[in-house]
Amino acid sequence: MRNNDEIVELMIGREITAQYPVKPRPRRVAPLLEIEQLRWENRLNGVSLSIGRGEIVGLGGLDGQGQKELLLALFGVMRGLSGTIRLEGKPIVLSSPAIAKAASHGIALIPEDRKTEGLMLPMSVTDNLVAACHDWISVGPFVDRERERSIVQEAIRRLAIRLGSPEQPVSTLSGGNQQKVVIARWLMTNPRIILLNDPTRGIDVGTKQEIYRPLRELADQDAAILFYSTDYDELIGCCDRVAVMYEGRIVRELAGEAITEQAIVASALAIGVYIVSSLWQ
C-alpha cells in the first residue's frame, strides 16, 4: 500500500523533498530567544520554548491551540501576559510592536491575512515594501530615492516577485506575489527573529518554494525563525524542530527524523503515535 508521500509524488511527478531547501545537519546551538511559562488568559497555558540562532522551529497542532496568540505575544501585541521572555539570556518586556521590531530586539511578524494585516492595498508595491524601513532610506524628512530604488529592486529579486512595475498598486498582484511583498518588507529590516503565522496558506506550490528558500538562507545567516503552519508537509520539510501545541501549551517537541506526519498528528490529537499509525495502514 502506498503511503501519502508516494501518492503525492505520483500526482505531481517529482519528489516532495525537492520542494524544500536542504536542512543543515543537526547541531547544538545557544538559545537566542527563550520563553518560560508564558500565560495569557485561557489561550496560553504555560508555554516554554527556546529558539537558537540558525534554527527554524515549527509550531504544529490543530488550528486554534494558541499558536497565533504565541506569535502575537512575542510581537508585543498582547496585554496582560505573564511569564518570562529572554533575548540572548536577558529578560525583555515586549509591550508593543514598535518595541519588538526595534533594532535592539529585531523581531518581525509575517501575518497570515495579507489583505487586512499585511498590505496597504491601494498603495504601490514600492510603498508597501519600504513601509517598515523608512529610517534607512531617509535623510531627515527627505527620502533618498536612489536608496529606495536600490533596496526595492533587491527585495523584488530576492523573493522573485512577479510584477510589471514597482509603482503599480499592490492589489493588482496575484495572491502569492502579494504575500511575497509582505515577507520581503519585513526581511528588509534585517530581523534577528522572524515569526511566521501560516504564511503560505492558499498559495500555489511554486510560490511556496520561492518563500522557503530565503527563509532557509536567513536561518543560515543566524536568524531564529518560529514558523506556524497548518501544512504538516511544510513543517516536516522546512523545520529543524517542531513544537506541537494542544490547549495552549506545548505537549511535544520533535526533532530530526522524529518529525513525521504521524507524530505531529498524534501529538495534535493528544493520542498515541501507534494509534495513528494503525489507522493509516
C-alpha atoms as a PDB file:
ATOM      1  CA  MET A   1       0.000   0.000   0.000  1.00  0.00           C
ATOM      2  CA  ARG A   2       1.440   3.350  -0.997  1.00  0.00           C
ATOM      3  CA  ASN A   3       1.982   5.976   1.681  1.00  0.00           C
ATOM      4  CA  ASN A   4       0.767   9.568   1.405  1.00  0.00           C
ATOM      5  CA  ASP A   5       4.103  10.924   0.141  1.00  0.00           C
ATOM      6  CA  GLU A   6       4.297   8.316  -2.640  1.00  0.00           C
ATOM      7  CA  ILE A   7       0.769   9.139  -3.799  1.00  0.00           C
ATOM      8  CA  VAL A   8       1.513  12.878  -3.919  1.00  0.00           C
ATOM      9  CA  GLU A   9       4.804  12.276  -5.736  1.00  0.00           C
ATOM     10  CA  LEU A  10       2.964  10.275  -8.410  1.00  0.00           C
ATOM     11  CA  MET A  11       0.435  13.089  -8.798  1.00  0.00           C
ATOM     12  CA  ILE A  12       2.962  15.910  -9.192  1.00  0.00           C
ATOM     13  CA  GLY A  13       5.696  13.909 -10.940  1.00  0.00           C
ATOM     14  CA  ARG A  14       8.594  14.728  -8.596  1.00  0.00           C
ATOM     15  CA  GLU A  15       9.796  14.082  -5.094  1.00  0.00           C
ATOM     16  CA  ILE A  16       8.195  16.090  -2.303  1.00  0.00           C
ATOM     17  CA  THR A  17      11.622  16.724  -0.750  1.00  0.00           C
ATOM     18  CA  ALA A  18      12.562  18.737  -3.849  1.00  0.00           C
ATOM     19  CA  GLN A  19      10.160  21.435  -2.683  1.00  0.00           C
ATOM     20  CA  TYR A  20      12.280  22.301   0.342  1.00  0.00           C
ATOM     21  CA  PRO A  21      15.819  23.621   0.785  1.00  0.00           C
ATOM     22  CA  VAL A  22      18.311  21.174   2.252  1.00  0.00           C
ATOM     23  CA  LYS A  23      18.396  21.309   6.044  1.00  0.00           C
ATOM     24  CA  PRO A  24      21.736  21.639   7.842  1.00  0.00           C
ATOM     25  CA  ARG A  25      22.987  18.705   9.883  1.00  0.00           C
ATOM     26  CA  PRO A  26      21.586  18.693  13.443  1.00  0.00           C
ATOM     27  CA  ARG A  27      23.765  20.692  15.812  1.00  0.00           C
ATOM     28  CA  ARG A  28      23.607  22.213  19.271  1.00  0.00           C
ATOM     29  CA  VAL A  29      23.039  25.966  19.206  1.00  0.00           C
ATOM     30  CA  ALA A  30      22.835  28.506  22.008  1.00  0.00           C
ATOM     31  CA  PRO A  31      19.307  29.897  22.511  1.00  0.00           C
ATOM     32  CA  LEU A  32      18.661  33.346  21.079  1.00  0.00           C
ATOM     33  CA  LEU A  33      15.048  33.582  22.269  1.00  0.00           C
ATOM     34  CA  GLU A  34      13.739  31.789  25.366  1.00  0.00           C
ATOM     35  CA  ILE A  35      10.170  31.655  26.639  1.00  0.00           C
ATOM     36  CA  GLU A  36       9.301  30.364  30.096  1.00  0.00           C
ATOM     37  CA  GLN A  37       5.799  29.685  31.400  1.00  0.00           C
ATOM     38  CA  LEU A  38       4.130  32.234  29.150  1.00  0.00           C
ATOM     39  CA  ARG A  39       0.446  32.672  30.013  1.00  0.00           C
ATOM     40  CA  TRP A  40      -2.358  34.781  28.582  1.00  0.00           C
ATOM     41  CA  GLU A  41      -5.998  34.417  29.594  1.00  0.00           C
ATOM     42  CA  ASN A  42      -7.060  30.855  28.714  1.00  0.00           C
ATOM     43  CA  ARG A  43      -5.201  30.770  25.380  1.00  0.00           C
ATOM     44  CA  LEU A  44      -1.591  30.348  26.554  1.00  0.00           C
ATOM     45  CA  ASN A  45      -1.193  27.977  29.475  1.00  0.00           C
ATOM     46  CA  GLY A  46       2.457  27.901  30.445  1.00  0.00           C
ATOM     47  CA  VAL A  47       4.328  27.849  27.120  1.00  0.00           C
ATOM     48  CA  SER A  48       8.063  27.212  27.397  1.00  0.00           C
ATOM     49  CA  LEU A  49      10.257  27.119  24.297  1.00  0.00           C
ATOM     50  CA  SER A  50      13.705  28.143  23.095  1.00  0.00           C
ATOM     51  CA  ILE A  51      14.879  29.037  19.594  1.00  0.00           C
ATOM     52  CA  GLY A  52      18.536  29.125  18.677  1.00  0.00           C
ATOM     53  CA  ARG A  53      20.421  31.118  16.092  1.00  0.00           C
ATOM     54  CA  GLY A  54      20.105  29.486  12.716  1.00  0.00           C
ATOM     55  CA  GLU A  55      17.090  27.381  13.670  1.00  0.00           C
ATOM     56  CA  ILE A  56      13.690  27.113  12.036  1.00  0.00           C
ATOM     57  CA  VAL A  57      11.334  25.917  14.761  1.00  0.00           C
ATOM     58  CA  GLY A  58       7.843  24.930  13.685  1.00  0.00           C
ATOM     59  CA  LEU A  59       4.616  25.304  15.622  1.00  0.00           C
ATOM     60  CA  GLY A  60       2.271  22.406  14.936  1.00  0.00           C
ATOM     61  CA  GLY A  61      -1.063  21.182  16.192  1.00  0.00           C
ATOM     62  CA  LEU A  62      -4.657  21.732  15.232  1.00  0.00           C
ATOM     63  CA  ASP A  63      -5.554  25.303  14.360  1.00  0.00           C
ATOM     64  CA  GLY A  64      -6.652  27.381  17.351  1.00  0.00           C
ATOM     65  CA  GLN A  65      -4.468  25.802  20.036  1.00  0.00           C
ATOM     66  CA  GLY A  66      -2.660  29.021  20.957  1.00  0.00           C
ATOM     67  CA  GLN A  67      -0.139  29.189  18.122  1.00  0.00           C
ATOM     68  CA  LYS A  68      -1.296  32.560  16.805  1.00  0.00           C
ATOM     69  CA  GLU A  69      -1.563  34.021  20.309  1.00  0.00           C
ATOM     70  CA  LEU A  70       2.018  32.960  20.994  1.00  0.00           C
ATOM     71  CA  LEU A  71       3.284  34.741  17.876  1.00  0.00           C
ATOM     72  CA  LEU A  72       1.307  37.888  18.728  1.00  0.00           C
ATOM     73  CA  ALA A  73       2.630  37.816  22.296  1.00  0.00           C
ATOM     74  CA  LEU A  74       6.202  37.707  21.001  1.00  0.00           C
ATOM     75  CA  PHE A  75       5.457  40.691  18.762  1.00  0.00           C
ATOM     76  CA  GLY A  76       4.239  42.816  21.661  1.00  0.00           C
ATOM     77  CA  VAL A  77       0.544  42.754  20.793  1.00  0.00           C
ATOM     78  CA  MET A  78      -0.916  41.018  23.854  1.00  0.00           C
ATOM     79  CA  ARG A  79      -1.653  42.798  27.142  1.00  0.00           C
ATOM     80  CA  GLY A  80      -1.662  41.035  30.497  1.00  0.00           C
ATOM     81  CA  LEU A  81       0.975  38.413  29.722  1.00  0.00           C
ATOM     82  CA  SER A  82       2.749  36.576  32.498  1.00  0.00           C
ATOM     83  CA  GLY A  83       5.923  34.566  32.286  1.00  0.00           C
ATOM     84  CA  THR A  84       9.441  35.356  31.118  1.00  0.00           C
ATOM     85  CA  ILE A  85      10.873  36.170  27.681  1.00  0.00           C
ATOM     86  CA  ARG A  86      14.657  36.283  27.318  1.00  0.00           C
ATOM     87  CA  LEU A  87      16.727  37.541  24.411  1.00  0.00           C
ATOM     88  CA  GLU A  88      20.365  36.435  24.484  1.00  0.00           C
ATOM     89  CA  GLY A  89      19.842  35.410  28.102  1.00  0.00           C
ATOM     90  CA  LYS A  90      18.477  38.780  29.250  1.00  0.00           C
ATOM     91  CA  PRO A  91      14.817  39.268  30.270  1.00  0.00           C
ATOM     92  CA  ILE A  92      12.895  41.615  27.983  1.00  0.00           C
ATOM     93  CA  VAL A  93       9.416  43.144  28.052  1.00  0.00           C
ATOM     94  CA  LEU A  94       7.653  43.287  24.687  1.00  0.00           C
ATOM     95  CA  SER A  95       4.926  45.811  25.403  1.00  0.00           C
ATOM     96  CA  SER A  96       4.292  46.943  21.817  1.00  0.00           C
ATOM     97  CA  PRO A  97       5.112  46.018  18.210  1.00  0.00           C
ATOM     98  CA  ALA A  98       7.322  49.121  17.999  1.00  0.00           C
ATOM     99  CA  ILE A  99       9.464  47.773  20.826  1.00  0.00           C
ATOM    100  CA  ALA A 100       9.509  44.269  19.348  1.00  0.00           C
ATOM    101  CA  LYS A 101      10.731  45.438  15.943  1.00  0.00           C
ATOM    102  CA  ALA A 102      13.246  47.961  17.321  1.00  0.00           C
ATOM    103  CA  ALA A 103      16.856  47.288  16.374  1.00  0.00           C
ATOM    104  CA  SER A 104      17.663  46.218  19.948  1.00  0.00           C
ATOM    105  CA  HIS A 105      15.247  43.274  19.600  1.00  0.00           C
ATOM    106  CA  GLY A 106      14.894  42.828  15.830  1.00  0.00           C
ATOM    107  CA  ILE A 107      11.631  40.867  15.784  1.00  0.00           C
ATOM    108  CA  ALA A 108       9.463  40.675  12.647  1.00  0.00           C
ATOM    109  CA  LEU A 109       5.978  39.169  12.281  1.00  0.00           C
ATOM    110  CA  ILE A 110       4.701  37.868   8.940  1.00  0.00           C
ATOM    111  CA  PRO A 111       0.882  37.784   9.301  1.00  0.00           C
ATOM    112  CA  GLU A 112      -1.465  35.216   7.803  1.00  0.00           C
ATOM    113  CA  ASP A 113      -4.032  37.612   6.336  1.00  0.00           C
ATOM    114  CA  ARG A 114      -2.082  39.704   3.858  1.00  0.00           C
ATOM    115  CA  LYS A 115      -5.089  41.792   2.795  1.00  0.00           C
ATOM    116  CA  THR A 116      -6.200  43.004   6.227  1.00  0.00           C
ATOM    117  CA  GLU A 117      -2.992  42.733   8.271  1.00  0.00           C
ATOM    118  CA  GLY A 118      -0.102  42.813   5.847  1.00  0.00           C
ATOM    119  CA  LEU A 119      -0.708  45.236   2.989  1.00  0.00           C
ATOM    120  CA  MET A 120      -1.935  48.705   2.117  1.00  0.00           C
ATOM    121  CA  LEU A 121      -3.782  47.522  -0.971  1.00  0.00           C
ATOM    122  CA  PRO A 122      -4.380  50.834  -2.811  1.00  0.00           C
ATOM    123  CA  MET A 123      -0.718  51.815  -2.471  1.00  0.00           C
ATOM    124  CA  SER A 124       2.160  50.840  -4.718  1.00  0.00           C
ATOM    125  CA  VAL A 125       4.456  47.850  -4.339  1.00  0.00           C
ATOM    126  CA  THR A 126       7.274  50.265  -3.514  1.00  0.00           C
ATOM    127  CA  ASP A 127       5.281  51.986  -0.758  1.00  0.00           C
ATOM    128  CA  ASN A 128       4.391  48.640   0.765  1.00  0.00           C
ATOM    129  CA  LEU A 129       7.954  47.343   0.621  1.00  0.00           C
ATOM    130  CA  VAL A 130       9.553  50.354   2.320  1.00  0.00           C
ATOM    131  CA  ALA A 131       6.841  50.828   4.959  1.00  0.00           C
ATOM    132  CA  ALA A 132       8.892  49.125   7.673  1.00  0.00           C
ATOM    133  CA  CYS A 133      12.280  50.692   6.901  1.00  0.00           C
ATOM    134  CA  HIS A 134      11.752  54.418   6.305  1.00  0.00           C
ATOM    135  CA  ASP A 135      14.557  55.255   8.734  1.00  0.00           C
ATOM    136  CA  TRP A 136      17.044  53.528   6.427  1.00  0.00           C
ATOM    137  CA  ILE A 137      16.101  55.436   3.313  1.00  0.00           C
ATOM    138  CA  SER A 138      15.527  58.897   4.788  1.00  0.00           C
ATOM    139  CA  VAL A 139      17.828  61.814   5.450  1.00  0.00           C
ATOM    140  CA  GLY A 140      15.944  63.957   7.922  1.00  0.00           C
ATOM    141  CA  PRO A 141      12.436  64.453   6.485  1.00  0.00           C
ATOM    142  CA  PHE A 142      13.525  63.528   2.938  1.00  0.00           C
ATOM    143  CA  VAL A 143      13.507  60.108   1.287  1.00  0.00           C
ATOM    144  CA  ASP A 144      16.670  59.102  -0.571  1.00  0.00           C
ATOM    145  CA  ARG A 145      15.012  57.948  -3.799  1.00  0.00           C
ATOM    146  CA  GLU A 146      18.126  56.246  -5.135  1.00  0.00           C
ATOM    147  CA  ARG A 147      18.471  54.240  -1.939  1.00  0.00           C
ATOM    148  CA  GLU A 148      14.768  53.440  -2.071  1.00  0.00           C
ATOM    149  CA  ARG A 149      15.004  52.147  -5.654  1.00  0.00           C
ATOM    150  CA  SER A 150      18.026  50.045  -4.768  1.00  0.00           C
ATOM    151  CA  ILE A 151      16.501  48.222  -1.799  1.00  0.00           C
ATOM    152  CA  VAL A 152      13.165  47.752  -3.589  1.00  0.00           C
ATOM    153  CA  GLN A 153      14.865  46.121  -6.580  1.00  0.00           C
ATOM    154  CA  GLU A 154      16.857  43.872  -4.254  1.00  0.00           C
ATOM    155  CA  ALA A 155      13.690  42.820  -2.406  1.00  0.00           C
ATOM    156  CA  ILE A 156      11.918  42.044  -5.688  1.00  0.00           C
ATOM    157  CA  ARG A 157      14.881  39.957  -6.851  1.00  0.00           C
ATOM    158  CA  ARG A 158      15.302  38.143  -3.547  1.00  0.00           C
ATOM    159  CA  LEU A 159      11.687  36.938  -3.366  1.00  0.00           C
ATOM    160  CA  ALA A 160      11.225  36.614  -7.144  1.00  0.00           C
ATOM    161  CA  ILE A 161       8.197  38.932  -7.018  1.00  0.00           C
ATOM    162  CA  ARG A 162       6.458  38.945 -10.384  1.00  0.00           C
ATOM    163  CA  LEU A 163       5.131  42.365 -11.352  1.00  0.00           C
ATOM    164  CA  GLY A 164       5.006  44.877 -14.176  1.00  0.00           C
ATOM    165  CA  SER A 165       6.349  47.863 -12.250  1.00  0.00           C
ATOM    166  CA  PRO A 166       7.218  48.632  -8.613  1.00  0.00           C
ATOM    167  CA  GLU A 167       4.828  51.573  -8.889  1.00  0.00           C
ATOM    168  CA  GLN A 168       1.727  49.510  -9.659  1.00  0.00           C
ATOM    169  CA  PRO A 169      -0.833  49.074  -6.851  1.00  0.00           C
ATOM    170  CA  VAL A 170      -0.016  46.009  -4.774  1.00  0.00           C
ATOM    171  CA  SER A 171      -3.685  44.992  -5.109  1.00  0.00           C
ATOM    172  CA  THR A 172      -3.055  44.163  -8.790  1.00  0.00           C
ATOM    173  CA  LEU A 173      -0.590  41.372  -7.957  1.00  0.00           C
ATOM    174  CA  SER A 174      -1.568  37.737  -7.586  1.00  0.00           C
ATOM    175  CA  GLY A 175      -2.189  36.457  -4.061  1.00  0.00           C
ATOM    176  CA  GLY A 176       1.146  34.667  -3.926  1.00  0.00           C
ATOM    177  CA  ASN A 177       3.072  37.732  -5.057  1.00  0.00           C
ATOM    178  CA  GLN A 178       1.202  39.887  -2.545  1.00  0.00           C
ATOM    179  CA  GLN A 179       2.380  37.556   0.203  1.00  0.00           C
ATOM    180  CA  LYS A 180       5.931  37.802  -1.114  1.00  0.00           C
ATOM    181  CA  VAL A 181       5.695  41.590  -0.758  1.00  0.00           C
ATOM    182  CA  VAL A 182       4.667  41.188   2.887  1.00  0.00           C
ATOM    183  CA  ILE A 183       7.572  38.844   3.578  1.00  0.00           C
ATOM    184  CA  ALA A 184      10.081  40.947   1.639  1.00  0.00           C
ATOM    185  CA  ARG A 185       9.078  44.088   3.543  1.00  0.00           C
ATOM    186  CA  TRP A 186       9.958  42.531   6.881  1.00  0.00           C
ATOM    187  CA  LEU A 187      13.099  40.844   5.612  1.00  0.00           C
ATOM    188  CA  MET A 188      14.312  44.299   4.561  1.00  0.00           C
ATOM    189  CA  THR A 189      14.529  45.199   8.271  1.00  0.00           C
ATOM    190  CA  ASN A 190      17.236  42.508   8.765  1.00  0.00           C
ATOM    191  CA  PRO A 191      15.397  40.880  11.671  1.00  0.00           C
ATOM    192  CA  ARG A 192      17.111  38.584  14.132  1.00  0.00           C
ATOM    193  CA  ILE A 193      13.882  36.779  14.999  1.00  0.00           C
ATOM    194  CA  ILE A 194      11.182  36.057  12.404  1.00  0.00           C
ATOM    195  CA  LEU A 195       7.680  34.985  13.402  1.00  0.00           C
ATOM    196  CA  LEU A 196       5.537  33.467  10.648  1.00  0.00           C
ATOM    197  CA  ASN A 197       1.792  32.962  11.003  1.00  0.00           C
ATOM    198  CA  ASP A 198       0.830  30.327   8.414  1.00  0.00           C
ATOM    199  CA  PRO A 199       2.272  32.492   5.604  1.00  0.00           C
ATOM    200  CA  THR A 200       1.752  30.091   2.700  1.00  0.00           C
ATOM    201  CA  ARG A 201      -1.901  29.159   3.246  1.00  0.00           C
ATOM    202  CA  GLY A 202      -3.748  29.352  -0.088  1.00  0.00           C
ATOM    203  CA  ILE A 203      -0.574  29.809  -2.151  1.00  0.00           C
ATOM    204  CA  ASP A 204       0.462  27.555  -5.038  1.00  0.00           C
ATOM    205  CA  VAL A 205       3.344  25.094  -4.681  1.00  0.00           C
ATOM    206  CA  GLY A 206       5.730  27.013  -6.940  1.00  0.00           C
ATOM    207  CA  THR A 207       5.293  30.248  -4.977  1.00  0.00           C
ATOM    208  CA  LYS A 208       5.747  28.375  -1.703  1.00  0.00           C
ATOM    209  CA  GLN A 209       9.150  27.171  -2.893  1.00  0.00           C
ATOM    210  CA  GLU A 210      10.205  30.755  -3.590  1.00  0.00           C
ATOM    211  CA  ILE A 211       9.315  31.613   0.024  1.00  0.00           C
ATOM    212  CA  TYR A 212      11.064  28.630   1.626  1.00  0.00           C
ATOM    213  CA  ARG A 213      14.417  29.430   0.013  1.00  0.00           C
ATOM    214  CA  PRO A 214      15.017  32.897   1.536  1.00  0.00           C
ATOM    215  CA  LEU A 215      13.802  31.644   4.933  1.00  0.00           C
ATOM    216  CA  ARG A 216      16.453  28.938   4.975  1.00  0.00           C
ATOM    217  CA  GLU A 217      19.025  31.473   3.778  1.00  0.00           C
ATOM    218  CA  LEU A 218      18.124  33.741   6.694  1.00  0.00           C
ATOM    219  CA  ALA A 219      18.456  30.842   9.119  1.00  0.00           C
ATOM    220  CA  ASP A 220      21.862  30.064   7.619  1.00  0.00           C
ATOM    221  CA  GLN A 221      22.759  33.684   8.413  1.00  0.00           C
ATOM    222  CA  ASP A 222      21.886  33.066  12.114  1.00  0.00           C
ATOM    223  CA  ALA A 223      18.309  34.367  12.215  1.00  0.00           C
ATOM    224  CA  ALA A 224      15.959  32.493  14.564  1.00  0.00           C
ATOM    225  CA  ILE A 225      12.642  31.575  12.932  1.00  0.00           C
ATOM    226  CA  LEU A 226       9.389  30.487  14.593  1.00  0.00           C
ATOM    227  CA  PHE A 227       7.109  29.113  11.894  1.00  0.00           C
ATOM    228  CA  TYR A 228       3.440  28.254  12.496  1.00  0.00           C
ATOM    229  CA  SER A 229       1.900  26.244   9.672  1.00  0.00           C
ATOM    230  CA  THR A 230      -1.259  24.202   9.221  1.00  0.00           C
ATOM    231  CA  ASP A 231       0.542  22.265   6.464  1.00  0.00           C
ATOM    232  CA  TYR A 232       2.261  19.274   8.053  1.00  0.00           C
ATOM    233  CA  ASP A 233       4.406  18.592   4.978  1.00  0.00           C
ATOM    234  CA  GLU A 234       5.696  22.142   5.321  1.00  0.00           C
ATOM    235  CA  LEU A 235       6.648  21.598   8.961  1.00  0.00           C
ATOM    236  CA  ILE A 236       8.423  18.366   8.065  1.00  0.00           C
ATOM    237  CA  GLY A 237      10.219  19.848   5.068  1.00  0.00           C
ATOM    238  CA  CYS A 238      11.245  23.230   6.475  1.00  0.00           C
ATOM    239  CA  CYS A 239      11.771  22.890  10.217  1.00  0.00           C
ATOM    240  CA  ASP A 240      14.702  21.727  12.314  1.00  0.00           C
ATOM    241  CA  ARG A 241      12.388  21.170  15.280  1.00  0.00           C
ATOM    242  CA  VAL A 242       8.608  21.153  15.671  1.00  0.00           C
ATOM    243  CA  ALA A 243       6.784  22.090  18.881  1.00  0.00           C
ATOM    244  CA  VAL A 244       3.228  20.751  18.859  1.00  0.00           C
ATOM    245  CA  MET A 245       0.624  22.763  20.766  1.00  0.00           C
ATOM    246  CA  TYR A 246      -2.567  21.499  22.381  1.00  0.00           C
ATOM    247  CA  GLU A 247      -4.926  23.579  24.514  1.00  0.00           C
ATOM    248  CA  GLY A 248      -2.484  26.445  24.856  1.00  0.00           C
ATOM    249  CA  ARG A 249       0.620  24.507  25.811  1.00  0.00           C
ATOM    250  CA  ILE A 250       3.443  22.669  24.077  1.00  0.00           C
ATOM    251  CA  VAL A 251       2.798  18.972  24.513  1.00  0.00           C
ATOM    252  CA  ARG A 252       5.693  17.575  22.480  1.00  0.00           C
ATOM    253  CA  GLU A 253       8.860  18.623  20.680  1.00  0.00           C
ATOM    254  CA  LEU A 254      10.088  16.691  17.665  1.00  0.00           C
ATOM    255  CA  ALA A 255      13.491  16.929  16.009  1.00  0.00           C
ATOM    256  CA  GLY A 256      15.324  15.390  13.095  1.00  0.00           C
ATOM    257  CA  GLU A 257      13.883  12.132  11.791  1.00  0.00           C
ATOM    258  CA  ALA A 258      11.265  12.166  14.566  1.00  0.00           C
ATOM    259  CA  ILE A 259       9.414  14.929  12.680  1.00  0.00           C
ATOM    260  CA  THR A 260       6.829  12.797  10.903  1.00  0.00           C
ATOM    261  CA  GLU A 261       3.200  13.339   9.987  1.00  0.00           C
ATOM    262  CA  GLN A 262       2.132  10.519  12.298  1.00  0.00           C
ATOM    263  CA  ALA A 263       3.968  12.033  15.263  1.00  0.00           C
ATOM    264  CA  ILE A 264       2.593  15.533  14.622  1.00  0.00           C
ATOM    265  CA  VAL A 265      -0.980  14.272  14.223  1.00  0.00           C
ATOM    266  CA  ALA A 266      -0.751  12.063  17.305  1.00  0.00           C
ATOM    267  CA  SER A 267       0.515  14.948  19.418  1.00  0.00           C
ATOM    268  CA  ALA A 268      -2.036  17.361  17.958  1.00  0.00           C
ATOM    269  CA  LEU A 269      -4.853  14.998  18.926  1.00  0.00           C
ATOM    270  CA  ALA A 270      -3.250  14.023  22.253  1.00  0.00           C
ATOM    271  CA  ILE A 271      -3.250  10.319  21.312  1.00  0.00           C
ATOM    272  CA  GLY A 272      -0.527   7.740  20.830  1.00  0.00           C
ATOM    273  CA  VAL A 273       1.551   7.538  17.666  1.00  0.00           C
ATOM    274  CA  TYR A 274       0.837   3.801  17.369  1.00  0.00           C
ATOM    275  CA  ILE A 275      -2.910   4.536  17.157  1.00  0.00           C
ATOM    276  CA  VAL A 276      -2.428   6.995  14.294  1.00  0.00           C
ATOM    277  CA  SER A 277      -0.038   4.620  12.513  1.00  0.00           C
ATOM    278  CA  SER A 278      -2.533   1.773  12.750  1.00  0.00           C
ATOM    279  CA  LEU A 279      -5.283   3.942  11.286  1.00  0.00           C
ATOM    280  CA  TRP A 280      -3.118   4.726   8.232  1.00  0.00           C
ATOM    281  CA  GLN A 281      -2.164   1.128   7.426  1.00  0.00           C
END
